[in-house]
Amino acid sequence: MTPDDWLTDTRTSYDTVAASYADQMREALGNAPALLTGLAGFADTVRAAGGGQVADVGCGPGHVTAYLRGLGVDAFGIDLSPGMVEVARREHPGVRFEVGSMTALDLADASLAGALSFWSLVHVPDDAVPGILAGLGRVLRPGAPLLVGFHAGDGSRLKEEGYGGHPMKVYVHRRRPARMSAWLREAGFAVETETLLDPEGSSPGALLLARARARA
């Protein structure tokens, strides 16, 4: 596999399942009070720092982006999949969505008041995660928050079907919060909180809230 194969596979897979994925995610937040609490805390942190633009990186069909805007956050979405961006624009008219890769964010240095990676690192191989986190640190203002949500645990599996039975080809990676926190610190973030989600359930997750440090 070349370094870009996982990007191509992820883009193609989510183009294929975009409509079905949006159907499944449309009411997902309403059934996840812990996620709503985490997003509300993130929004409060952004507002307390004076506000500004916030990027939902790997926004999918835009449901989280739209929710943040409902909390008064000036959020916009970026996604690798043109199909996902098309769905997001259709479902949330008036909200900014654009095609882009978290591996090469087309954003100015220190231009954001916050960023969100909400389960958008789950298909990223380990060796690419540190560079992506460093890129997020580059575009965030010093002190700006980053909220990272991910599958918690160990191991990876190949997902070949999903969301309406459509074919996919993506690896799903689980990480321990301590490992993600270490990557964040190495990328120049200060990790403030770690929240475990459904740790005894069938699909445990974690939310980490970190802040970008001033660059030397």
N, C-alpha and C. Protein backbone atom coordinates (compact mmCIF):
# COMPACT_ATOMS: atom_id res chain seq x y z
N MET A 1 0.84 -1.20 0.00
CA MET A 1 0.00 0.00 0.00
C MET A 1 0.87 1.24 0.00
N THR A 2 0.61 2.15 -0.92
CA THR A 2 1.34 3.41 -0.94
C THR A 2 0.77 4.34 0.12
N PRO A 3 1.50 5.42 0.47
CA PRO A 3 1.03 6.32 1.52
C PRO A 3 -0.36 6.90 1.27
N ASP A 4 -0.75 7.03 0.00
CA ASP A 4 -2.04 7.66 -0.30
C ASP A 4 -3.17 6.66 -0.54
N ASP A 5 -2.89 5.37 -0.50
CA ASP A 5 -3.93 4.39 -0.79
C ASP A 5 -5.09 4.49 0.20
N TRP A 6 -4.78 4.71 1.47
CA TRP A 6 -5.86 4.77 2.46
C TRP A 6 -6.75 5.98 2.23
N LEU A 7 -6.16 7.07 1.74
CA LEU A 7 -6.97 8.24 1.42
C LEU A 7 -7.91 7.95 0.26
N THR A 8 -7.40 7.33 -0.77
CA THR A 8 -8.23 6.99 -1.93
C THR A 8 -9.35 6.04 -1.54
N ASP A 9 -9.01 5.01 -0.75
CA ASP A 9 -10.03 4.05 -0.33
C ASP A 9 -11.08 4.71 0.55
N THR A 10 -10.67 5.61 1.43
CA THR A 10 -11.63 6.29 2.30
C THR A 10 -12.55 7.19 1.50
N ARG A 11 -11.98 7.96 0.57
CA ARG A 11 -12.80 8.84 -0.27
C ARG A 11 -13.82 8.04 -1.07
N THR A 12 -13.37 6.99 -1.73
CA THR A 12 -14.26 6.18 -2.56
C THR A 12 -15.35 5.53 -1.72
N SER A 13 -14.97 4.99 -0.57
CA SER A 13 -15.94 4.32 0.30
C SER A 13 -17.03 5.26 0.76
N TYR A 14 -16.65 6.47 1.19
CA TYR A 14 -17.66 7.39 1.72
C TYR A 14 -18.44 8.10 0.61
N ASP A 15 -17.87 8.21 -0.56
CA ASP A 15 -18.70 8.63 -1.70
C ASP A 15 -19.81 7.62 -1.95
N THR A 16 -19.47 6.34 -1.81
CA THR A 16 -20.42 5.27 -2.08
C THR A 16 -21.56 5.23 -1.06
N VAL A 17 -21.24 5.47 0.21
CA VAL A 17 -22.24 5.30 1.27
C VAL A 17 -22.83 6.63 1.75
N ALA A 18 -22.52 7.74 1.10
CA ALA A 18 -22.85 9.06 1.64
C ALA A 18 -24.32 9.20 2.02
N ALA A 19 -25.22 8.84 1.14
CA ALA A 19 -26.65 9.03 1.41
C ALA A 19 -27.11 8.13 2.55
N SER A 20 -26.68 6.86 2.53
CA SER A 20 -27.09 5.94 3.59
C SER A 20 -26.48 6.33 4.93
N TYR A 21 -25.26 6.78 4.91
CA TYR A 21 -24.61 7.22 6.15
C TYR A 21 -25.36 8.41 6.74
N ALA A 22 -25.73 9.36 5.89
CA ALA A 22 -26.47 10.53 6.36
C ALA A 22 -27.80 10.11 7.00
N ASP A 23 -28.47 9.13 6.40
CA ASP A 23 -29.73 8.64 6.97
C ASP A 23 -29.52 8.10 8.38
N GLN A 24 -28.43 7.37 8.59
CA GLN A 24 -28.18 6.77 9.89
C GLN A 24 -27.72 7.80 10.92
N MET A 25 -27.05 8.84 10.48
CA MET A 25 -26.50 9.82 11.42
C MET A 25 -27.46 10.95 11.75
N ARG A 26 -28.55 11.06 11.02
CA ARG A 26 -29.42 12.24 11.14
C ARG A 26 -29.92 12.45 12.57
N GLU A 27 -30.25 11.38 13.27
CA GLU A 27 -30.76 11.50 14.63
C GLU A 27 -29.77 10.98 15.67
N ALA A 28 -28.54 10.73 15.25
CA ALA A 28 -27.59 10.06 16.13
C ALA A 28 -27.26 10.87 17.38
N LEU A 29 -27.08 12.17 17.24
CA LEU A 29 -26.71 12.98 18.40
C LEU A 29 -27.80 12.99 19.46
N GLY A 30 -29.04 12.94 19.03
CA GLY A 30 -30.15 12.96 19.98
C GLY A 30 -30.17 11.75 20.88
N ASN A 31 -29.51 10.67 20.45
CA ASN A 31 -29.44 9.45 21.24
C ASN A 31 -28.12 9.30 21.97
N ALA A 32 -27.34 10.37 22.05
CA ALA A 32 -26.01 10.31 22.64
C ALA A 32 -25.78 11.50 23.56
N PRO A 33 -26.38 11.50 24.76
CA PRO A 33 -26.26 12.66 25.65
C PRO A 33 -24.82 13.00 26.03
N ALA A 34 -23.94 12.01 26.12
CA ALA A 34 -22.55 12.30 26.47
C ALA A 34 -21.86 13.11 25.37
N LEU A 35 -22.20 12.81 24.12
CA LEU A 35 -21.63 13.58 23.02
C LEU A 35 -22.16 15.00 23.02
N LEU A 36 -23.44 15.16 23.31
CA LEU A 36 -24.02 16.50 23.38
C LEU A 36 -23.35 17.32 24.48
N THR A 37 -23.07 16.68 25.61
CA THR A 37 -22.38 17.38 26.71
C THR A 37 -20.98 17.80 26.27
N GLY A 38 -20.29 16.91 25.58
CA GLY A 38 -18.95 17.24 25.11
C GLY A 38 -18.95 18.37 24.10
N LEU A 39 -19.91 18.36 23.19
CA LEU A 39 -20.00 19.43 22.20
C LEU A 39 -20.37 20.76 22.85
N ALA A 40 -21.26 20.72 23.84
CA ALA A 40 -21.63 21.95 24.54
C ALA A 40 -20.44 22.53 25.27
N GLY A 41 -19.64 21.68 25.92
CA GLY A 41 -18.45 22.17 26.59
C GLY A 41 -17.44 22.76 25.63
N PHE A 42 -17.29 22.12 24.49
CA PHE A 42 -16.40 22.64 23.45
C PHE A 42 -16.88 24.01 22.98
N ALA A 43 -18.18 24.13 22.71
CA ALA A 43 -18.75 25.42 22.26
C ALA A 43 -18.54 26.50 23.31
N ASP A 44 -18.72 26.16 24.58
CA ASP A 44 -18.49 27.13 25.66
C ASP A 44 -17.04 27.59 25.67
N THR A 45 -16.11 26.66 25.44
CA THR A 45 -14.69 27.00 25.43
C THR A 45 -14.36 27.94 24.29
N VAL A 46 -14.94 27.69 23.12
CA VAL A 46 -14.71 28.57 21.97
C VAL A 46 -15.24 29.97 22.25
N ARG A 47 -16.46 30.05 22.78
CA ARG A 47 -17.05 31.36 23.06
C ARG A 47 -16.28 32.11 24.14
N ALA A 48 -15.81 31.38 25.16
CA ALA A 48 -15.08 32.03 26.25
C ALA A 48 -13.77 32.64 25.79
N ALA A 49 -13.22 32.08 24.70
CA ALA A 49 -11.96 32.60 24.16
C ALA A 49 -12.18 33.71 23.15
N GLY A 50 -13.43 34.14 22.96
CA GLY A 50 -13.72 35.25 22.05
C GLY A 50 -14.36 34.86 20.74
N GLY A 51 -14.51 33.56 20.50
CA GLY A 51 -15.18 33.10 19.28
C GLY A 51 -14.33 33.23 18.04
N GLY A 52 -14.92 32.89 16.93
CA GLY A 52 -14.22 32.87 15.65
C GLY A 52 -14.57 31.61 14.90
N GLN A 53 -13.96 31.40 13.76
CA GLN A 53 -14.30 30.25 12.92
C GLN A 53 -13.77 28.95 13.51
N VAL A 54 -14.59 27.91 13.39
CA VAL A 54 -14.26 26.58 13.89
C VAL A 54 -14.43 25.58 12.75
N ALA A 55 -13.44 24.73 12.54
CA ALA A 55 -13.49 23.74 11.47
C ALA A 55 -13.86 22.38 12.02
N ASP A 56 -14.89 21.79 11.43
CA ASP A 56 -15.26 20.40 11.69
C ASP A 56 -14.57 19.58 10.62
N VAL A 57 -13.43 18.98 10.97
CA VAL A 57 -12.55 18.34 10.00
C VAL A 57 -12.92 16.86 9.89
N GLY A 58 -13.39 16.48 8.70
CA GLY A 58 -13.97 15.16 8.52
C GLY A 58 -15.43 15.19 8.91
N CYS A 59 -16.14 16.18 8.38
CA CYS A 59 -17.50 16.51 8.84
C CYS A 59 -18.57 15.54 8.37
N GLY A 60 -18.27 14.68 7.38
CA GLY A 60 -19.29 13.77 6.88
C GLY A 60 -20.51 14.53 6.37
N PRO A 61 -21.72 14.10 6.74
CA PRO A 61 -22.93 14.75 6.24
C PRO A 61 -23.29 16.04 6.96
N GLY A 62 -22.43 16.51 7.86
CA GLY A 62 -22.60 17.85 8.42
C GLY A 62 -23.49 17.96 9.63
N HIS A 63 -23.91 16.85 10.22
CA HIS A 63 -24.84 16.94 11.35
C HIS A 63 -24.20 17.57 12.58
N VAL A 64 -22.92 17.30 12.80
CA VAL A 64 -22.23 17.90 13.96
C VAL A 64 -21.93 19.36 13.69
N THR A 65 -21.53 19.68 12.48
CA THR A 65 -21.30 21.08 12.10
C THR A 65 -22.54 21.91 12.35
N ALA A 66 -23.67 21.41 11.88
CA ALA A 66 -24.94 22.13 12.05
C ALA A 66 -25.31 22.25 13.52
N TYR A 67 -25.05 21.21 14.30
CA TYR A 67 -25.36 21.27 15.73
C TYR A 67 -24.54 22.36 16.42
N LEU A 68 -23.26 22.44 16.09
CA LEU A 68 -22.42 23.48 16.67
C LEU A 68 -22.92 24.87 16.30
N ARG A 69 -23.36 25.03 15.07
CA ARG A 69 -23.90 26.33 14.66
C ARG A 69 -25.15 26.67 15.48
N GLY A 70 -25.93 25.67 15.81
CA GLY A 70 -27.09 25.89 16.66
C GLY A 70 -26.72 26.31 18.07
N LEU A 71 -25.48 26.01 18.47
CA LEU A 71 -24.97 26.44 19.77
C LEU A 71 -24.29 27.81 19.70
N GLY A 72 -24.36 28.44 18.54
CA GLY A 72 -23.77 29.77 18.40
C GLY A 72 -22.32 29.79 17.97
N VAL A 73 -21.83 28.66 17.47
CA VAL A 73 -20.44 28.57 17.02
C VAL A 73 -20.39 28.78 15.50
N ASP A 74 -19.43 29.57 15.04
CA ASP A 74 -19.26 29.84 13.61
C ASP A 74 -18.51 28.68 12.97
N ALA A 75 -19.20 27.53 12.84
CA ALA A 75 -18.57 26.31 12.38
C ALA A 75 -18.76 26.11 10.88
N PHE A 76 -17.77 25.52 10.25
CA PHE A 76 -17.86 25.09 8.86
C PHE A 76 -17.24 23.69 8.76
N GLY A 77 -17.58 22.97 7.69
CA GLY A 77 -17.14 21.59 7.56
C GLY A 77 -16.19 21.36 6.41
N ILE A 78 -15.28 20.42 6.62
CA ILE A 78 -14.33 19.98 5.59
C ILE A 78 -14.41 18.46 5.55
N ASP A 79 -14.49 17.88 4.36
CA ASP A 79 -14.49 16.42 4.26
C ASP A 79 -13.76 15.98 3.01
N LEU A 80 -13.13 14.82 3.11
CA LEU A 80 -12.39 14.23 2.00
C LEU A 80 -13.30 13.80 0.86
N SER A 81 -14.54 13.43 1.20
CA SER A 81 -15.46 12.84 0.24
C SER A 81 -16.35 13.89 -0.42
N PRO A 82 -16.23 14.09 -1.72
CA PRO A 82 -17.16 15.01 -2.40
C PRO A 82 -18.62 14.59 -2.24
N GLY A 83 -18.87 13.29 -2.19
CA GLY A 83 -20.23 12.83 -1.99
C GLY A 83 -20.79 13.27 -0.65
N MET A 84 -19.99 13.18 0.39
CA MET A 84 -20.42 13.63 1.71
C MET A 84 -20.66 15.14 1.71
N VAL A 85 -19.80 15.89 1.08
CA VAL A 85 -19.96 17.35 1.04
C VAL A 85 -21.25 17.71 0.30
N GLU A 86 -21.54 17.00 -0.78
CA GLU A 86 -22.78 17.25 -1.52
C GLU A 86 -23.99 17.02 -0.63
N VAL A 87 -24.00 15.92 0.14
CA VAL A 87 -25.10 15.63 1.05
C VAL A 87 -25.20 16.71 2.13
N ALA A 88 -24.05 17.09 2.70
CA ALA A 88 -24.05 18.10 3.77
C ALA A 88 -24.62 19.43 3.28
N ARG A 89 -24.23 19.84 2.09
CA ARG A 89 -24.75 21.09 1.55
C ARG A 89 -26.25 21.02 1.31
N ARG A 90 -26.73 19.87 0.88
CA ARG A 90 -28.15 19.71 0.62
C ARG A 90 -28.96 19.70 1.93
N GLU A 91 -28.43 19.03 2.94
CA GLU A 91 -29.17 18.89 4.19
C GLU A 91 -29.05 20.12 5.09
N HIS A 92 -28.00 20.90 4.90
CA HIS A 92 -27.79 22.07 5.77
C HIS A 92 -27.47 23.29 4.91
N PRO A 93 -28.45 23.75 4.14
CA PRO A 93 -28.21 24.90 3.26
C PRO A 93 -27.82 26.13 4.07
N GLY A 94 -26.91 26.90 3.51
CA GLY A 94 -26.45 28.09 4.19
C GLY A 94 -25.23 27.88 5.06
N VAL A 95 -24.87 26.60 5.30
CA VAL A 95 -23.67 26.28 6.06
C VAL A 95 -22.54 25.99 5.08
N ARG A 96 -21.35 26.46 5.40
CA ARG A 96 -20.19 26.27 4.52
C ARG A 96 -19.62 24.87 4.68
N PHE A 97 -19.53 24.16 3.56
CA PHE A 97 -18.88 22.85 3.50
C PHE A 97 -17.95 22.84 2.30
N GLU A 98 -16.79 22.24 2.46
CA GLU A 98 -15.84 22.19 1.36
C GLU A 98 -15.10 20.87 1.36
N VAL A 99 -14.65 20.48 0.17
CA VAL A 99 -13.86 19.26 0.02
C VAL A 99 -12.41 19.57 0.37
N GLY A 100 -11.83 18.73 1.19
CA GLY A 100 -10.43 18.92 1.56
C GLY A 100 -9.95 17.73 2.38
N SER A 101 -8.64 17.65 2.52
CA SER A 101 -8.04 16.55 3.25
C SER A 101 -7.39 17.05 4.53
N MET A 102 -7.60 16.31 5.61
CA MET A 102 -6.96 16.67 6.88
C MET A 102 -5.45 16.50 6.82
N THR A 103 -4.96 15.82 5.78
CA THR A 103 -3.52 15.66 5.64
C THR A 103 -2.85 16.92 5.07
N ALA A 104 -3.64 17.82 4.52
CA ALA A 104 -3.09 19.05 3.92
C ALA A 104 -4.16 20.12 3.96
N LEU A 105 -4.41 20.67 5.15
CA LEU A 105 -5.47 21.65 5.33
C LEU A 105 -5.14 22.95 4.61
N ASP A 106 -6.07 23.40 3.77
CA ASP A 106 -5.88 24.64 3.02
C ASP A 106 -6.41 25.81 3.84
N LEU A 107 -5.76 26.04 4.98
CA LEU A 107 -6.17 27.08 5.92
C LEU A 107 -4.92 27.82 6.40
N ALA A 108 -5.08 29.10 6.67
CA ALA A 108 -3.95 29.91 7.10
C ALA A 108 -3.51 29.54 8.52
N ASP A 109 -2.25 29.78 8.81
CA ASP A 109 -1.73 29.56 10.16
C ASP A 109 -2.53 30.37 11.17
N ALA A 110 -2.82 29.75 12.32
CA ALA A 110 -3.46 30.43 13.45
C ALA A 110 -4.75 31.15 13.05
N SER A 111 -5.51 30.55 12.13
CA SER A 111 -6.71 31.20 11.62
C SER A 111 -7.99 30.74 12.30
N LEU A 112 -7.93 29.67 13.10
CA LEU A 112 -9.13 29.09 13.66
C LEU A 112 -9.24 29.29 15.17
N ALA A 113 -10.48 29.46 15.61
CA ALA A 113 -10.76 29.57 17.05
C ALA A 113 -11.05 28.21 17.67
N GLY A 114 -11.07 27.18 16.87
CA GLY A 114 -11.30 25.83 17.37
C GLY A 114 -11.38 24.85 16.21
N ALA A 115 -11.24 23.58 16.53
CA ALA A 115 -11.36 22.53 15.52
C ALA A 115 -11.90 21.28 16.17
N LEU A 116 -12.48 20.46 15.33
CA LEU A 116 -13.15 19.25 15.77
C LEU A 116 -12.71 18.11 14.87
N SER A 117 -12.31 17.00 15.47
CA SER A 117 -12.07 15.76 14.73
C SER A 117 -12.94 14.70 15.38
N PHE A 118 -14.17 14.58 14.88
CA PHE A 118 -15.19 13.75 15.51
C PHE A 118 -15.25 12.42 14.80
N TRP A 119 -14.49 11.45 15.29
CA TRP A 119 -14.39 10.12 14.71
C TRP A 119 -13.88 10.17 13.27
N SER A 120 -13.14 11.22 12.94
CA SER A 120 -12.60 11.32 11.58
C SER A 120 -11.17 10.82 11.48
N LEU A 121 -10.58 10.39 12.60
CA LEU A 121 -9.25 9.79 12.57
C LEU A 121 -9.31 8.26 12.58
N VAL A 122 -10.52 7.70 12.59
CA VAL A 122 -10.63 6.26 12.81
C VAL A 122 -10.11 5.44 11.64
N HIS A 123 -10.03 6.03 10.44
CA HIS A 123 -9.51 5.30 9.28
C HIS A 123 -8.07 5.70 8.96
N VAL A 124 -7.48 6.55 9.78
CA VAL A 124 -6.13 7.05 9.52
C VAL A 124 -5.10 6.09 10.13
N PRO A 125 -4.13 5.61 9.35
CA PRO A 125 -3.11 4.73 9.92
C PRO A 125 -2.25 5.45 10.96
N ASP A 126 -1.70 4.67 11.87
CA ASP A 126 -0.94 5.25 12.98
C ASP A 126 0.14 6.22 12.52
N ASP A 127 0.86 5.87 11.46
CA ASP A 127 1.99 6.71 11.07
C ASP A 127 1.58 8.05 10.49
N ALA A 128 0.29 8.21 10.14
CA ALA A 128 -0.18 9.49 9.60
C ALA A 128 -0.81 10.38 10.66
N VAL A 129 -1.16 9.83 11.82
CA VAL A 129 -1.86 10.62 12.83
C VAL A 129 -1.03 11.79 13.35
N PRO A 130 0.24 11.60 13.71
CA PRO A 130 1.00 12.74 14.25
C PRO A 130 1.07 13.93 13.30
N GLY A 131 1.24 13.68 12.01
CA GLY A 131 1.29 14.79 11.05
C GLY A 131 -0.03 15.52 10.93
N ILE A 132 -1.13 14.77 11.00
CA ILE A 132 -2.44 15.40 10.94
C ILE A 132 -2.67 16.28 12.17
N LEU A 133 -2.31 15.79 13.34
CA LEU A 133 -2.46 16.59 14.56
C LEU A 133 -1.57 17.82 14.52
N ALA A 134 -0.37 17.68 13.99
CA ALA A 134 0.50 18.86 13.85
C ALA A 134 -0.12 19.88 12.90
N GLY A 135 -0.75 19.40 11.83
CA GLY A 135 -1.42 20.31 10.91
C GLY A 135 -2.58 21.04 11.55
N LEU A 136 -3.33 20.36 12.41
CA LEU A 136 -4.40 21.02 13.15
C LEU A 136 -3.82 22.07 14.10
N GLY A 137 -2.72 21.75 14.73
CA GLY A 137 -2.07 22.74 15.60
C GLY A 137 -1.61 23.98 14.84
N ARG A 138 -1.20 23.78 13.61
CA ARG A 138 -0.75 24.91 12.80
C ARG A 138 -1.87 25.91 12.53
N VAL A 139 -3.07 25.42 12.26
CA VAL A 139 -4.15 26.32 11.85
C VAL A 139 -4.94 26.88 13.04
N LEU A 140 -4.67 26.39 14.24
CA LEU A 140 -5.36 26.88 15.43
C LEU A 140 -4.60 28.05 16.07
N ARG A 141 -5.36 28.98 16.59
CA ARG A 141 -4.74 30.04 17.39
C ARG A 141 -4.17 29.44 18.67
N PRO A 142 -3.13 30.04 19.22
CA PRO A 142 -2.67 29.58 20.54
C PRO A 142 -3.79 29.63 21.56
N GLY A 143 -3.96 28.54 22.28
CA GLY A 143 -5.02 28.46 23.27
C GLY A 143 -6.35 27.97 22.75
N ALA A 144 -6.49 27.84 21.42
CA ALA A 144 -7.76 27.40 20.84
C ALA A 144 -7.97 25.91 21.11
N PRO A 145 -9.24 25.49 21.31
CA PRO A 145 -9.50 24.09 21.64
C PRO A 145 -9.61 23.18 20.42
N LEU A 146 -9.24 21.94 20.64
CA LEU A 146 -9.44 20.87 19.68
C LEU A 146 -10.16 19.74 20.41
N LEU A 147 -11.29 19.29 19.85
CA LEU A 147 -12.03 18.18 20.42
C LEU A 147 -11.87 16.98 19.50
N VAL A 148 -11.33 15.90 20.05
CA VAL A 148 -11.07 14.68 19.28
C VAL A 148 -11.94 13.55 19.84
N GLY A 149 -12.76 12.96 18.98
CA GLY A 149 -13.55 11.79 19.35
C GLY A 149 -13.10 10.59 18.53
N PHE A 150 -13.06 9.41 19.15
CA PHE A 150 -12.53 8.24 18.46
C PHE A 150 -13.00 6.96 19.14
N HIS A 151 -12.85 5.85 18.42
CA HIS A 151 -13.14 4.53 18.97
C HIS A 151 -12.02 4.18 19.96
N ALA A 152 -12.40 3.78 21.16
CA ALA A 152 -11.40 3.46 22.18
C ALA A 152 -11.15 1.96 22.22
N GLY A 153 -9.89 1.59 22.43
CA GLY A 153 -9.54 0.18 22.54
C GLY A 153 -8.28 -0.13 21.79
N ASP A 154 -8.16 -1.37 21.36
CA ASP A 154 -6.96 -1.85 20.67
C ASP A 154 -7.35 -2.55 19.36
N GLY A 155 -6.43 -2.52 18.42
CA GLY A 155 -6.60 -3.30 17.22
C GLY A 155 -7.29 -2.57 16.09
N SER A 156 -7.24 -3.19 14.91
CA SER A 156 -7.82 -2.65 13.69
C SER A 156 -8.55 -3.77 12.96
N ARG A 157 -9.55 -3.37 12.15
CA ARG A 157 -10.23 -4.36 11.32
C ARG A 157 -10.57 -3.73 9.98
N LEU A 158 -10.64 -4.57 8.97
CA LEU A 158 -11.01 -4.11 7.64
C LEU A 158 -12.52 -4.11 7.52
N LYS A 159 -13.09 -2.96 7.19
CA LYS A 159 -14.54 -2.83 6.99
C LYS A 159 -14.80 -2.87 5.50
N GLU A 160 -15.53 -3.89 5.07
CA GLU A 160 -15.79 -4.09 3.64
C GLU A 160 -17.23 -3.87 3.26
N GLU A 161 -18.08 -3.61 4.25
CA GLU A 161 -19.49 -3.35 3.96
C GLU A 161 -20.05 -2.48 5.08
N GLY A 162 -20.94 -1.58 4.73
CA GLY A 162 -21.54 -0.76 5.77
C GLY A 162 -22.58 0.20 5.24
N TYR A 163 -23.40 0.72 6.19
CA TYR A 163 -24.34 1.79 5.88
C TYR A 163 -25.20 1.46 4.66
N GLY A 164 -26.16 0.58 4.90
CA GLY A 164 -27.05 0.18 3.82
C GLY A 164 -26.55 -0.99 3.00
N GLY A 165 -25.49 -1.64 3.48
CA GLY A 165 -24.95 -2.79 2.77
C GLY A 165 -24.05 -2.47 1.60
N HIS A 166 -23.67 -1.21 1.47
CA HIS A 166 -22.80 -0.81 0.35
C HIS A 166 -21.36 -1.26 0.59
N PRO A 167 -20.62 -1.51 -0.49
CA PRO A 167 -19.23 -1.94 -0.32
C PRO A 167 -18.35 -0.79 0.18
N MET A 168 -17.42 -1.14 1.06
CA MET A 168 -16.44 -0.20 1.56
C MET A 168 -15.09 -0.90 1.62
N LYS A 169 -14.05 -0.12 1.73
CA LYS A 169 -12.71 -0.67 1.94
C LYS A 169 -11.94 0.32 2.80
N VAL A 170 -12.16 0.22 4.11
CA VAL A 170 -11.48 1.09 5.07
C VAL A 170 -11.09 0.28 6.29
N TYR A 171 -9.96 0.60 6.86
CA TYR A 171 -9.58 0.01 8.14
C TYR A 171 -10.13 0.88 9.25
N VAL A 172 -10.70 0.25 10.27
CA VAL A 172 -11.22 0.94 11.44
C VAL A 172 -10.24 0.70 12.59
N HIS A 173 -9.65 1.78 13.08
CA HIS A 173 -8.62 1.67 14.10
C HIS A 173 -9.17 2.11 15.45
N ARG A 174 -8.88 1.33 16.48
CA ARG A 174 -9.21 1.70 17.86
C ARG A 174 -7.93 2.11 18.56
N ARG A 175 -8.03 3.16 19.37
CA ARG A 175 -6.85 3.65 20.09
C ARG A 175 -7.18 3.86 21.56
N ARG A 176 -6.20 3.65 22.40
CA ARG A 176 -6.36 3.96 23.81
C ARG A 176 -6.22 5.46 24.02
N PRO A 177 -7.02 6.03 24.93
CA PRO A 177 -6.90 7.47 25.18
C PRO A 177 -5.49 7.92 25.52
N ALA A 178 -4.75 7.11 26.25
CA ALA A 178 -3.38 7.49 26.61
C ALA A 178 -2.51 7.66 25.37
N ARG A 179 -2.74 6.82 24.37
CA ARG A 179 -1.95 6.92 23.15
C ARG A 179 -2.32 8.18 22.38
N MET A 180 -3.62 8.47 22.26
CA MET A 180 -4.03 9.68 21.56
C MET A 180 -3.54 10.92 22.30
N SER A 181 -3.59 10.89 23.62
CA SER A 181 -3.10 12.03 24.40
C SER A 181 -1.60 12.24 24.16
N ALA A 182 -0.85 11.16 24.08
CA ALA A 182 0.59 11.29 23.84
C ALA A 182 0.84 11.90 22.47
N TRP A 183 0.10 11.46 21.46
CA TRP A 183 0.25 12.05 20.13
C TRP A 183 -0.08 13.55 20.16
N LEU A 184 -1.14 13.91 20.87
CA LEU A 184 -1.52 15.32 20.95
C LEU A 184 -0.42 16.14 21.61
N ARG A 185 0.13 15.65 22.69
CA ARG A 185 1.19 16.39 23.37
C ARG A 185 2.43 16.54 22.48
N GLU A 186 2.76 15.47 21.76
CA GLU A 186 3.91 15.54 20.84
C GLU A 186 3.67 16.56 19.73
N ALA A 187 2.38 16.77 19.38
CA ALA A 187 2.04 17.73 18.32
C ALA A 187 1.89 19.15 18.86
N GLY A 188 2.15 19.34 20.15
CA GLY A 188 2.14 20.70 20.70
C GLY A 188 0.86 21.10 21.38
N PHE A 189 0.03 20.12 21.76
CA PHE A 189 -1.22 20.42 22.46
C PHE A 189 -1.08 20.15 23.96
N ALA A 190 -1.87 20.86 24.72
CA ALA A 190 -2.05 20.55 26.13
C ALA A 190 -3.38 19.85 26.29
N VAL A 191 -3.38 18.62 26.75
CA VAL A 191 -4.61 17.85 26.91
C VAL A 191 -5.25 18.22 28.24
N GLU A 192 -6.51 18.65 28.18
CA GLU A 192 -7.20 19.12 29.38
C GLU A 192 -8.14 18.09 29.98
N THR A 193 -8.90 17.38 29.14
CA THR A 193 -9.84 16.39 29.68
C THR A 193 -9.87 15.15 28.80
N GLU A 194 -10.12 14.01 29.44
CA GLU A 194 -10.34 12.74 28.76
C GLU A 194 -11.64 12.16 29.28
N THR A 195 -12.59 11.89 28.38
CA THR A 195 -13.88 11.35 28.76
C THR A 195 -14.10 10.03 28.05
N LEU A 196 -14.32 8.96 28.81
CA LEU A 196 -14.63 7.66 28.22
C LEU A 196 -16.12 7.56 27.97
N LEU A 197 -16.49 6.97 26.82
CA LEU A 197 -17.88 6.82 26.44
C LEU A 197 -18.21 5.33 26.35
N ASP A 198 -19.20 4.91 27.11
CA ASP A 198 -19.66 3.52 27.09
C ASP A 198 -18.49 2.54 27.18
N PRO A 199 -17.64 2.67 28.23
CA PRO A 199 -16.43 1.83 28.28
C PRO A 199 -16.71 0.33 28.38
N GLU A 200 -17.87 -0.06 28.89
CA GLU A 200 -18.19 -1.49 29.02
C GLU A 200 -19.10 -1.97 27.89
N GLY A 201 -19.43 -1.08 26.96
CA GLY A 201 -20.35 -1.44 25.89
C GLY A 201 -19.65 -2.07 24.70
N SER A 202 -20.43 -2.28 23.66
CA SER A 202 -19.91 -2.94 22.46
C SER A 202 -19.08 -2.01 21.58
N SER A 203 -19.24 -0.69 21.76
CA SER A 203 -18.51 0.26 20.92
C SER A 203 -18.00 1.42 21.78
N PRO A 204 -17.03 1.15 22.65
CA PRO A 204 -16.52 2.21 23.51
C PRO A 204 -15.83 3.31 22.72
N GLY A 205 -15.89 4.51 23.25
CA GLY A 205 -15.26 5.64 22.59
C GLY A 205 -14.61 6.56 23.61
N ALA A 206 -14.04 7.63 23.13
CA ALA A 206 -13.41 8.61 24.00
C ALA A 206 -13.47 9.98 23.36
N LEU A 207 -13.56 11.00 24.20
CA LEU A 207 -13.47 12.39 23.79
C LEU A 207 -12.30 13.03 24.54
N LEU A 208 -11.40 13.64 23.80
CA LEU A 208 -10.29 14.38 24.40
C LEU A 208 -10.42 15.85 24.02
N LEU A 209 -10.34 16.72 25.02
CA LEU A 209 -10.31 18.16 24.77
C LEU A 209 -8.90 18.65 25.03
N ALA A 210 -8.31 19.28 24.01
CA ALA A 210 -6.94 19.77 24.10
C ALA A 210 -6.90 21.21 23.64
N ARG A 211 -5.81 21.89 23.99
CA ARG A 211 -5.63 23.27 23.53
C ARG A 211 -4.28 23.39 22.83
N ALA A 212 -4.30 24.19 21.76
CA ALA A 212 -3.07 24.44 21.01
C ALA A 212 -2.16 25.34 21.83
N ARG A 213 -0.92 24.99 21.90
CA ARG A 213 0.07 25.82 22.58
C ARG A 213 0.65 26.82 21.61
N ALA A 214 1.19 27.91 22.15
CA ALA A 214 1.88 28.90 21.31
C ALA A 214 3.10 28.24 20.66
N ARG A 215 3.30 28.51 19.39
CA ARG A 215 4.46 27.97 18.69
C ARG A 215 5.68 28.83 18.95
N ALA A 216 6.81 28.15 19.05
CA ALA A 216 8.07 28.87 19.31
C ALA A 216 8.47 29.69 18.10
